[in-house]
Each structure stands twice: as C-alpha cells, then as structure tokens.
Amino acid sequence: MVRCCRVVGWLVGLIALVVSLLTLCRLMLMLSTQSSVSQLVPCCAPFFSSLVWNIVLLALFVLQHSGMSSDAWKNFLIRVGIDGLLHRPLYVICSCAVLHLIIFQQSVLPGPLLWYFDVDEYPKLWLAVFIIHCLMWLIICAGAVARDPMELIGLKQLYDSAESKEQTQAVDDRMRSRHVGVAAFLVILWVHMAMSVERFVLAMVWTLYVLFGQHASPFAVYVVAAETKEKQT
C-alpha cells in the first residue's frame, strides 16, 4: 500500500513538473510578446460582461492560490485520505490549470490602450523592453533553480519522504515566503510596449495579490534567504 502511494505520488509529481514547464512557457508568451497591436477596438462592445468574466478568472486564481495553501485545505485533504506529500504537486497542477484558463479564456476588453508604442516606429525601445523581459525571466528562473525547483513542485518531498512529518511541514511553511523574483515579475507586468485594458486589470490584480495577498511579508523572503545562506556557510 505504501509503495502504491509512492508510485502515485511520483506520477502526480512528474505531471506537475511537465505542466508547470508548459505553463511557464505559455505565461512568458502572454506577458512578454511585443507585437503590433491594433487600436481599432470598438468602445461600444459589451464591456461590462467581458470585465466581469476577467475578474471572475482572476478571483479564481486568488482563491485557488490562497485556499490551497491554507492549513484548513491541507487538513481537509488529510481527512479525506490524501497523503501530505501530494499537497504540493496538487497545488502546482491546480495553479497551472487556473493560469491556463486566464491565458486562453481571458476576454479582450474594448477601449483605448492606456499606452502604446508601435514596434515599427520605436525599434530601439522594443529592443530595450525585450532585453528587460529576458533579464527578468532569467532572474525568476535562476531564483527558482537556486531554491531547488524540485522542492517547489513537491518531488523532493517525495524523495525525502523518510524524513519526519514535522520537517516536511516546516519546508511547506517556508514555501510561502519563498516566492522568488517578485520585483522581476512586477517589471514584466508593467513594462510593456502596449498596455491594454485587460492587461492593466490583470497587472493590477496580480500586483496587489503579490504585494499584499501572500501569507508571508516581503521581509520574510530576506529572512529565509539569510537563514539559508547562514546554514550553507
């Protein structure tokens, strides 16, 4: 029975790894594509229904992220018989599913662009924004690799399942304060050649959630980083 649970755990963990890599690529394309944008969007289109739909998708993202990282949700999974080592891979899979909904189902909101710089007219600006986005994504990916991506996805917990439950819980608690590249992600959201209405709503909600909706404060990130560096030395 234990062996079967470990096999299921590894299968779910590998699915989480593949899905997370795919979602990261899709997210990069959505947030960093610098292309010409048509400004001929009719303002008389049904704005309210599209806005409500986008807000529902973003609210689903916030509820999923906050709800599935709460102790109440973890206790519920334990009560229904789901092993604690599966919590992190399930969280990653559900997060990727919600992100895919946002990427592919987000509605285009009618209205003028908040700002727009034509790629053909400003090639140097486009190149600068392109380089900035590449650097920011590199910072995010490097930060994830430095903090062990297998641990973020949950595969390391499965490998080290022989360790005590308390240590697993401590690792999971530290994950809340280890969201890497927050500043880099905010730069990606706001530094863009064209700021459409739907991108502005997306950037605003994600910025507020990253800064104020996480369980841990930004100060906790520096505390964890200092503790990790001290242990390594």
C-alpha atoms as a PDB file:
ATOM      1  CA  MET A   1       0.000   0.000   0.000  1.00  0.00           C
ATOM      2  CA  VAL A   2       2.831   2.376   0.906  1.00  0.00           C
ATOM      3  CA  ARG A   3       4.632   1.524  -2.325  1.00  0.00           C
ATOM      4  CA  CYS A   4       1.459   2.193  -4.322  1.00  0.00           C
ATOM      5  CA  CYS A   5       1.095   5.602  -2.652  1.00  0.00           C
ATOM      6  CA  ARG A   6       4.693   6.458  -3.516  1.00  0.00           C
ATOM      7  CA  VAL A   7       4.148   5.457  -7.161  1.00  0.00           C
ATOM      8  CA  VAL A   8       1.034   7.633  -7.332  1.00  0.00           C
ATOM      9  CA  GLY A   9       2.944  10.449  -5.661  1.00  0.00           C
ATOM     10  CA  TRP A  10       5.787  10.284  -8.179  1.00  0.00           C
ATOM     11  CA  LEU A  11       3.304  10.143 -11.070  1.00  0.00           C
ATOM     12  CA  VAL A  12       1.464  13.225  -9.802  1.00  0.00           C
ATOM     13  CA  GLY A  13       4.783  14.978  -9.176  1.00  0.00           C
ATOM     14  CA  LEU A  14       6.027  14.305 -12.709  1.00  0.00           C
ATOM     15  CA  ILE A  15       2.718  15.561 -14.126  1.00  0.00           C
ATOM     16  CA  ALA A  16       3.134  18.716 -12.042  1.00  0.00           C
ATOM     17  CA  LEU A  17       6.664  19.170 -13.415  1.00  0.00           C
ATOM     18  CA  VAL A  18       5.593  18.871 -17.064  1.00  0.00           C
ATOM     19  CA  VAL A  19       2.507  21.039 -16.622  1.00  0.00           C
ATOM     20  CA  SER A  20       4.455  23.743 -14.767  1.00  0.00           C
ATOM     21  CA  LEU A  21       7.089  23.956 -17.519  1.00  0.00           C
ATOM     22  CA  LEU A  22       4.385  24.200 -20.180  1.00  0.00           C
ATOM     23  CA  THR A  23       2.536  26.859 -18.204  1.00  0.00           C
ATOM     24  CA  LEU A  24       5.724  28.864 -17.719  1.00  0.00           C
ATOM     25  CA  CYS A  25       6.294  28.934 -21.487  1.00  0.00           C
ATOM     26  CA  ARG A  26       2.685  29.974 -22.128  1.00  0.00           C
ATOM     27  CA  LEU A  27       2.914  32.680 -19.473  1.00  0.00           C
ATOM     28  CA  MET A  28       6.117  34.041 -20.984  1.00  0.00           C
ATOM     29  CA  LEU A  29       4.445  34.295 -24.379  1.00  0.00           C
ATOM     30  CA  MET A  30       1.375  36.009 -22.957  1.00  0.00           C
ATOM     31  CA  LEU A  31       3.197  38.580 -20.826  1.00  0.00           C
ATOM     32  CA  SER A  32       6.268  39.269 -22.939  1.00  0.00           C
ATOM     33  CA  THR A  33       5.118  39.139 -26.550  1.00  0.00           C
ATOM     34  CA  GLN A  34       5.961  42.514 -28.080  1.00  0.00           C
ATOM     35  CA  SER A  35       3.939  42.794 -31.259  1.00  0.00           C
ATOM     36  CA  SER A  36       1.964  45.391 -33.125  1.00  0.00           C
ATOM     37  CA  VAL A  37      -1.448  45.969 -31.585  1.00  0.00           C
ATOM     38  CA  SER A  38      -4.469  47.234 -33.425  1.00  0.00           C
ATOM     39  CA  GLN A  39      -6.068  50.194 -31.677  1.00  0.00           C
ATOM     40  CA  LEU A  40      -9.284  49.932 -33.687  1.00  0.00           C
ATOM     41  CA  VAL A  41     -11.197  48.322 -30.837  1.00  0.00           C
ATOM     42  CA  PRO A  42     -14.839  49.439 -30.744  1.00  0.00           C
ATOM     43  CA  CYS A  43     -15.646  51.075 -27.413  1.00  0.00           C
ATOM     44  CA  CYS A  44     -19.327  50.225 -27.853  1.00  0.00           C
ATOM     45  CA  ALA A  45     -18.676  46.496 -27.453  1.00  0.00           C
ATOM     46  CA  PRO A  46     -20.109  44.710 -24.389  1.00  0.00           C
ATOM     47  CA  PHE A  47     -17.546  45.951 -21.884  1.00  0.00           C
ATOM     48  CA  PHE A  48     -19.230  45.013 -18.601  1.00  0.00           C
ATOM     49  CA  SER A  49     -19.742  41.306 -19.305  1.00  0.00           C
ATOM     50  CA  SER A  50     -16.153  40.898 -20.510  1.00  0.00           C
ATOM     51  CA  LEU A  51     -14.822  42.764 -17.478  1.00  0.00           C
ATOM     52  CA  VAL A  52     -16.859  40.589 -15.109  1.00  0.00           C
ATOM     53  CA  TRP A  53     -15.572  37.442 -16.820  1.00  0.00           C
ATOM     54  CA  ASN A  54     -11.946  38.549 -16.477  1.00  0.00           C
ATOM     55  CA  ILE A  55     -12.486  39.446 -12.825  1.00  0.00           C
ATOM     56  CA  VAL A  56     -14.039  36.023 -12.210  1.00  0.00           C
ATOM     57  CA  LEU A  57     -10.957  34.332 -13.697  1.00  0.00           C
ATOM     58  CA  LEU A  58      -8.608  36.459 -11.591  1.00  0.00           C
ATOM     59  CA  ALA A  59     -10.715  35.856  -8.479  1.00  0.00           C
ATOM     60  CA  LEU A  60     -10.493  32.122  -9.168  1.00  0.00           C
ATOM     61  CA  PHE A  61      -6.710  32.464  -9.323  1.00  0.00           C
ATOM     62  CA  VAL A  62      -6.582  34.306  -5.977  1.00  0.00           C
ATOM     63  CA  LEU A  63      -8.978  31.867  -4.278  1.00  0.00           C
ATOM     64  CA  GLN A  64      -7.100  28.845  -5.578  1.00  0.00           C
ATOM     65  CA  HIS A  65      -3.694  30.177  -4.534  1.00  0.00           C
ATOM     66  CA  SER A  66      -4.804  31.310  -1.091  1.00  0.00           C
ATOM     67  CA  GLY A  67      -7.227  28.465  -0.404  1.00  0.00           C
ATOM     68  CA  MET A  68      -4.976  25.562  -1.380  1.00  0.00           C
ATOM     69  CA  SER A  69      -2.068  26.978   0.657  1.00  0.00           C
ATOM     70  CA  SER A  70      -4.185  27.305   3.810  1.00  0.00           C
ATOM     71  CA  ASP A  71      -3.974  24.909   6.731  1.00  0.00           C
ATOM     72  CA  ALA A  72      -7.730  24.281   6.538  1.00  0.00           C
ATOM     73  CA  TRP A  73      -7.409  22.905   2.993  1.00  0.00           C
ATOM     74  CA  LYS A  74      -4.424  20.720   3.934  1.00  0.00           C
ATOM     75  CA  ASN A  75      -6.270  19.342   6.952  1.00  0.00           C
ATOM     76  CA  PHE A  76      -9.252  18.593   4.708  1.00  0.00           C
ATOM     77  CA  LEU A  77      -7.051  16.643   2.278  1.00  0.00           C
ATOM     78  CA  ILE A  78      -5.590  14.656   5.161  1.00  0.00           C
ATOM     79  CA  ARG A  79      -9.078  13.864   6.484  1.00  0.00           C
ATOM     80  CA  VAL A  80     -10.208  12.515   3.094  1.00  0.00           C
ATOM     81  CA  GLY A  81      -7.114  10.311   2.918  1.00  0.00           C
ATOM     82  CA  ILE A  82      -4.816  12.257   0.577  1.00  0.00           C
ATOM     83  CA  ASP A  83      -1.203  11.941   1.694  1.00  0.00           C
ATOM     84  CA  GLY A  84       0.510  15.144   2.773  1.00  0.00           C
ATOM     85  CA  LEU A  85       3.301  14.595   0.240  1.00  0.00           C
ATOM     86  CA  LEU A  86       0.756  15.072  -2.560  1.00  0.00           C
ATOM     87  CA  HIS A  87      -0.344  18.522  -1.405  1.00  0.00           C
ATOM     88  CA  ARG A  88       2.407  20.433  -3.193  1.00  0.00           C
ATOM     89  CA  PRO A  89       2.089  18.621  -6.595  1.00  0.00           C
ATOM     90  CA  LEU A  90      -1.702  19.014  -6.491  1.00  0.00           C
ATOM     91  CA  TYR A  91      -1.283  22.705  -5.684  1.00  0.00           C
ATOM     92  CA  VAL A  92       1.060  23.156  -8.649  1.00  0.00           C
ATOM     93  CA  ILE A  93      -1.271  21.310 -11.052  1.00  0.00           C
ATOM     94  CA  CYS A  94      -4.306  23.327  -9.966  1.00  0.00           C
ATOM     95  CA  SER A  95      -2.338  26.588 -10.186  1.00  0.00           C
ATOM     96  CA  CYS A  96      -1.277  25.741 -13.734  1.00  0.00           C
ATOM     97  CA  ALA A  97      -4.859  24.856 -14.663  1.00  0.00           C
ATOM     98  CA  VAL A  98      -6.129  28.233 -13.441  1.00  0.00           C
ATOM     99  CA  LEU A  99      -3.301  30.046 -15.241  1.00  0.00           C
ATOM    100  CA  HIS A 100      -4.207  28.237 -18.457  1.00  0.00           C
ATOM    101  CA  LEU A 101      -7.783  29.442 -18.047  1.00  0.00           C
ATOM    102  CA  ILE A 102      -6.537  33.015 -17.721  1.00  0.00           C
ATOM    103  CA  ILE A 103      -4.150  32.679 -20.671  1.00  0.00           C
ATOM    104  CA  PHE A 104      -6.642  31.172 -23.108  1.00  0.00           C
ATOM    105  CA  GLN A 105     -10.046  32.347 -21.832  1.00  0.00           C
ATOM    106  CA  GLN A 106      -9.333  35.955 -20.900  1.00  0.00           C
ATOM    107  CA  SER A 107     -11.607  38.334 -22.819  1.00  0.00           C
ATOM    108  CA  VAL A 108     -10.353  41.342 -24.765  1.00  0.00           C
ATOM    109  CA  LEU A 109     -11.764  44.454 -23.110  1.00  0.00           C
ATOM    110  CA  PRO A 110     -12.859  47.173 -25.531  1.00  0.00           C
ATOM    111  CA  GLY A 111     -11.436  50.621 -25.144  1.00  0.00           C
ATOM    112  CA  PRO A 112      -8.338  52.650 -25.971  1.00  0.00           C
ATOM    113  CA  LEU A 113      -4.906  51.435 -24.947  1.00  0.00           C
ATOM    114  CA  LEU A 114      -3.515  53.101 -21.832  1.00  0.00           C
ATOM    115  CA  TRP A 115      -0.213  53.477 -23.666  1.00  0.00           C
ATOM    116  CA  TYR A 116       1.060  52.158 -26.952  1.00  0.00           C
ATOM    117  CA  PHE A 117       4.418  52.344 -28.718  1.00  0.00           C
ATOM    118  CA  ASP A 118       4.439  50.922 -32.212  1.00  0.00           C
ATOM    119  CA  VAL A 119       7.131  48.296 -32.670  1.00  0.00           C
ATOM    120  CA  ASP A 120       7.973  49.542 -36.167  1.00  0.00           C
ATOM    121  CA  GLU A 121       8.245  53.172 -35.091  1.00  0.00           C
ATOM    122  CA  TYR A 122      10.277  52.520 -31.939  1.00  0.00           C
ATOM    123  CA  PRO A 123      12.583  49.577 -32.715  1.00  0.00           C
ATOM    124  CA  LYS A 124      15.164  50.630 -30.109  1.00  0.00           C
ATOM    125  CA  LEU A 125      12.513  50.857 -27.404  1.00  0.00           C
ATOM    126  CA  TRP A 126      11.202  47.442 -28.445  1.00  0.00           C
ATOM    127  CA  LEU A 127      14.714  46.015 -28.167  1.00  0.00           C
ATOM    128  CA  ALA A 128      15.171  47.570 -24.725  1.00  0.00           C
ATOM    129  CA  VAL A 129      11.852  46.142 -23.486  1.00  0.00           C
ATOM    130  CA  PHE A 130      12.724  42.756 -24.995  1.00  0.00           C
ATOM    131  CA  ILE A 131      16.076  42.698 -23.180  1.00  0.00           C
ATOM    132  CA  ILE A 132      14.451  43.782 -19.909  1.00  0.00           C
ATOM    133  CA  HIS A 133      11.881  40.984 -20.143  1.00  0.00           C
ATOM    134  CA  CYS A 134      14.576  38.416 -20.933  1.00  0.00           C
ATOM    135  CA  LEU A 135      16.590  39.540 -17.908  1.00  0.00           C
ATOM    136  CA  MET A 136      13.550  39.491 -15.629  1.00  0.00           C
ATOM    137  CA  TRP A 137      12.555  35.977 -16.697  1.00  0.00           C
ATOM    138  CA  LEU A 138      16.166  34.900 -16.243  1.00  0.00           C
ATOM    139  CA  ILE A 139      16.104  36.269 -12.688  1.00  0.00           C
ATOM    140  CA  ILE A 140      12.858  34.428 -11.944  1.00  0.00           C
ATOM    141  CA  CYS A 141      14.099  31.124 -13.367  1.00  0.00           C
ATOM    142  CA  ALA A 142      17.527  31.467 -11.720  1.00  0.00           C
ATOM    143  CA  GLY A 143      15.871  32.172  -8.388  1.00  0.00           C
ATOM    144  CA  ALA A 144      13.692  29.085  -8.720  1.00  0.00           C
ATOM    145  CA  VAL A 145      16.685  26.920  -9.640  1.00  0.00           C
ATOM    146  CA  ALA A 146      18.718  28.330  -6.741  1.00  0.00           C
ATOM    147  CA  ARG A 147      15.928  27.403  -4.341  1.00  0.00           C
ATOM    148  CA  ASP A 148      15.526  23.863  -5.722  1.00  0.00           C
ATOM    149  CA  PRO A 149      12.663  23.637  -8.258  1.00  0.00           C
ATOM    150  CA  MET A 150      12.063  20.000  -7.316  1.00  0.00           C
ATOM    151  CA  GLU A 151      11.172  21.203  -3.834  1.00  0.00           C
ATOM    152  CA  LEU A 152       8.848  23.887  -5.200  1.00  0.00           C
ATOM    153  CA  ILE A 153       6.984  21.281  -7.250  1.00  0.00           C
ATOM    154  CA  GLY A 154       6.984  18.659  -4.499  1.00  0.00           C
ATOM    155  CA  LEU A 155       9.243  15.964  -5.962  1.00  0.00           C
ATOM    156  CA  LYS A 156      11.964  16.488  -3.374  1.00  0.00           C
ATOM    157  CA  GLN A 157       9.469  15.934  -0.578  1.00  0.00           C
ATOM    158  CA  LEU A 158       8.529  12.614  -2.174  1.00  0.00           C
ATOM    159  CA  TYR A 159      12.195  11.627  -2.415  1.00  0.00           C
ATOM    160  CA  ASP A 160      12.845  12.599   1.188  1.00  0.00           C
ATOM    161  CA  SER A 161       9.595  11.091   2.497  1.00  0.00           C
ATOM    162  CA  ALA A 162      11.553   9.108   5.052  1.00  0.00           C
ATOM    163  CA  GLU A 163      12.127  12.322   6.990  1.00  0.00           C
ATOM    164  CA  SER A 164       9.853  13.366   9.801  1.00  0.00           C
ATOM    165  CA  LYS A 165       6.445  14.907   9.211  1.00  0.00           C
ATOM    166  CA  GLU A 166       7.483  17.976  11.165  1.00  0.00           C
ATOM    167  CA  GLN A 167      10.339  18.665   8.780  1.00  0.00           C
ATOM    168  CA  THR A 168       8.013  18.301   5.769  1.00  0.00           C
ATOM    169  CA  GLN A 169       5.592  20.749   7.354  1.00  0.00           C
ATOM    170  CA  ALA A 170       8.427  23.180   8.049  1.00  0.00           C
ATOM    171  CA  VAL A 171       9.529  23.018   4.424  1.00  0.00           C
ATOM    172  CA  ASP A 172       5.967  23.645   3.280  1.00  0.00           C
ATOM    173  CA  ASP A 173       5.619  26.627   5.602  1.00  0.00           C
ATOM    174  CA  ARG A 174       8.831  28.138   4.257  1.00  0.00           C
ATOM    175  CA  MET A 175       7.445  27.899   0.710  1.00  0.00           C
ATOM    176  CA  ARG A 176       5.028  30.683   1.496  1.00  0.00           C
ATOM    177  CA  SER A 177       7.837  33.163   1.949  1.00  0.00           C
ATOM    178  CA  ARG A 178       9.985  31.965  -0.946  1.00  0.00           C
ATOM    179  CA  HIS A 179       8.125  33.320  -3.948  1.00  0.00           C
ATOM    180  CA  VAL A 180      11.162  34.365  -5.935  1.00  0.00           C
ATOM    181  CA  GLY A 181      11.544  37.202  -8.355  1.00  0.00           C
ATOM    182  CA  VAL A 182       8.638  39.309  -7.085  1.00  0.00           C
ATOM    183  CA  ALA A 183      10.196  42.547  -8.282  1.00  0.00           C
ATOM    184  CA  ALA A 184      11.152  40.971 -11.620  1.00  0.00           C
ATOM    185  CA  PHE A 185       7.603  39.728 -12.130  1.00  0.00           C
ATOM    186  CA  LEU A 186       6.181  43.179 -11.436  1.00  0.00           C
ATOM    187  CA  VAL A 187       8.545  44.676 -14.009  1.00  0.00           C
ATOM    188  CA  ILE A 188       7.305  42.150 -16.569  1.00  0.00           C
ATOM    189  CA  LEU A 189       3.699  43.061 -15.811  1.00  0.00           C
ATOM    190  CA  TRP A 190       4.103  46.819 -16.176  1.00  0.00           C
ATOM    191  CA  VAL A 191       6.988  47.357 -18.617  1.00  0.00           C
ATOM    192  CA  HIS A 192       5.386  46.663 -21.981  1.00  0.00           C
ATOM    193  CA  MET A 193       5.032  48.299 -25.361  1.00  0.00           C
ATOM    194  CA  ALA A 194       1.232  48.284 -25.169  1.00  0.00           C
ATOM    195  CA  MET A 195      -0.951  48.428 -22.064  1.00  0.00           C
ATOM    196  CA  SER A 196      -4.428  47.276 -22.997  1.00  0.00           C
ATOM    197  CA  VAL A 197      -7.358  47.469 -20.613  1.00  0.00           C
ATOM    198  CA  GLU A 198      -7.391  43.715 -19.933  1.00  0.00           C
ATOM    199  CA  ARG A 199      -3.627  43.688 -19.305  1.00  0.00           C
ATOM    200  CA  PHE A 200      -3.993  46.631 -16.917  1.00  0.00           C
ATOM    201  CA  VAL A 201      -6.689  44.777 -14.932  1.00  0.00           C
ATOM    202  CA  LEU A 202      -4.523  41.651 -14.889  1.00  0.00           C
ATOM    203  CA  ALA A 203      -1.406  43.554 -13.830  1.00  0.00           C
ATOM    204  CA  MET A 204      -3.275  45.456 -11.126  1.00  0.00           C
ATOM    205  CA  VAL A 205      -4.850  42.343  -9.564  1.00  0.00           C
ATOM    206  CA  TRP A 206      -1.632  40.333  -9.668  1.00  0.00           C
ATOM    207  CA  THR A 207       0.402  43.237  -8.280  1.00  0.00           C
ATOM    208  CA  LEU A 208      -1.967  43.699  -5.338  1.00  0.00           C
ATOM    209  CA  TYR A 209      -2.023  39.972  -4.668  1.00  0.00           C
ATOM    210  CA  VAL A 210       1.760  39.579  -4.846  1.00  0.00           C
ATOM    211  CA  LEU A 211       2.363  42.554  -2.548  1.00  0.00           C
ATOM    212  CA  PHE A 212      -0.489  42.164  -0.064  1.00  0.00           C
ATOM    213  CA  GLY A 213      -2.219  38.821  -0.630  1.00  0.00           C
ATOM    214  CA  GLN A 214       0.585  36.444   0.274  1.00  0.00           C
ATOM    215  CA  HIS A 215       0.759  34.784   3.679  1.00  0.00           C
ATOM    216  CA  ALA A 216       4.312  35.997   4.229  1.00  0.00           C
ATOM    217  CA  SER A 217       5.548  39.550   4.075  1.00  0.00           C
ATOM    218  CA  PRO A 218       8.364  40.600   1.731  1.00  0.00           C
ATOM    219  CA  PHE A 219      10.606  40.861   4.809  1.00  0.00           C
ATOM    220  CA  ALA A 220      10.197  37.123   5.332  1.00  0.00           C
ATOM    221  CA  VAL A 221      11.839  36.458   1.978  1.00  0.00           C
ATOM    222  CA  TYR A 222      15.026  38.145   3.183  1.00  0.00           C
ATOM    223  CA  VAL A 223      14.837  36.266   6.499  1.00  0.00           C
ATOM    224  CA  VAL A 224      14.624  32.888   4.748  1.00  0.00           C
ATOM    225  CA  ALA A 225      17.416  33.823   2.340  1.00  0.00           C
ATOM    226  CA  ALA A 226      19.651  34.892   5.231  1.00  0.00           C
ATOM    227  CA  GLU A 227      18.916  31.669   7.131  1.00  0.00           C
ATOM    228  CA  THR A 228      19.708  29.548   4.076  1.00  0.00           C
ATOM    229  CA  LYS A 229      22.987  31.381   3.445  1.00  0.00           C
ATOM    230  CA  GLU A 230      23.971  31.057   7.087  1.00  0.00           C
ATOM    231  CA  LYS A 231      23.351  27.287   7.007  1.00  0.00           C
ATOM    232  CA  GLN A 232      25.427  26.893   3.854  1.00  0.00           C
ATOM    233  CA  THR A 233      28.381  28.702   5.435  1.00  0.00           C
END
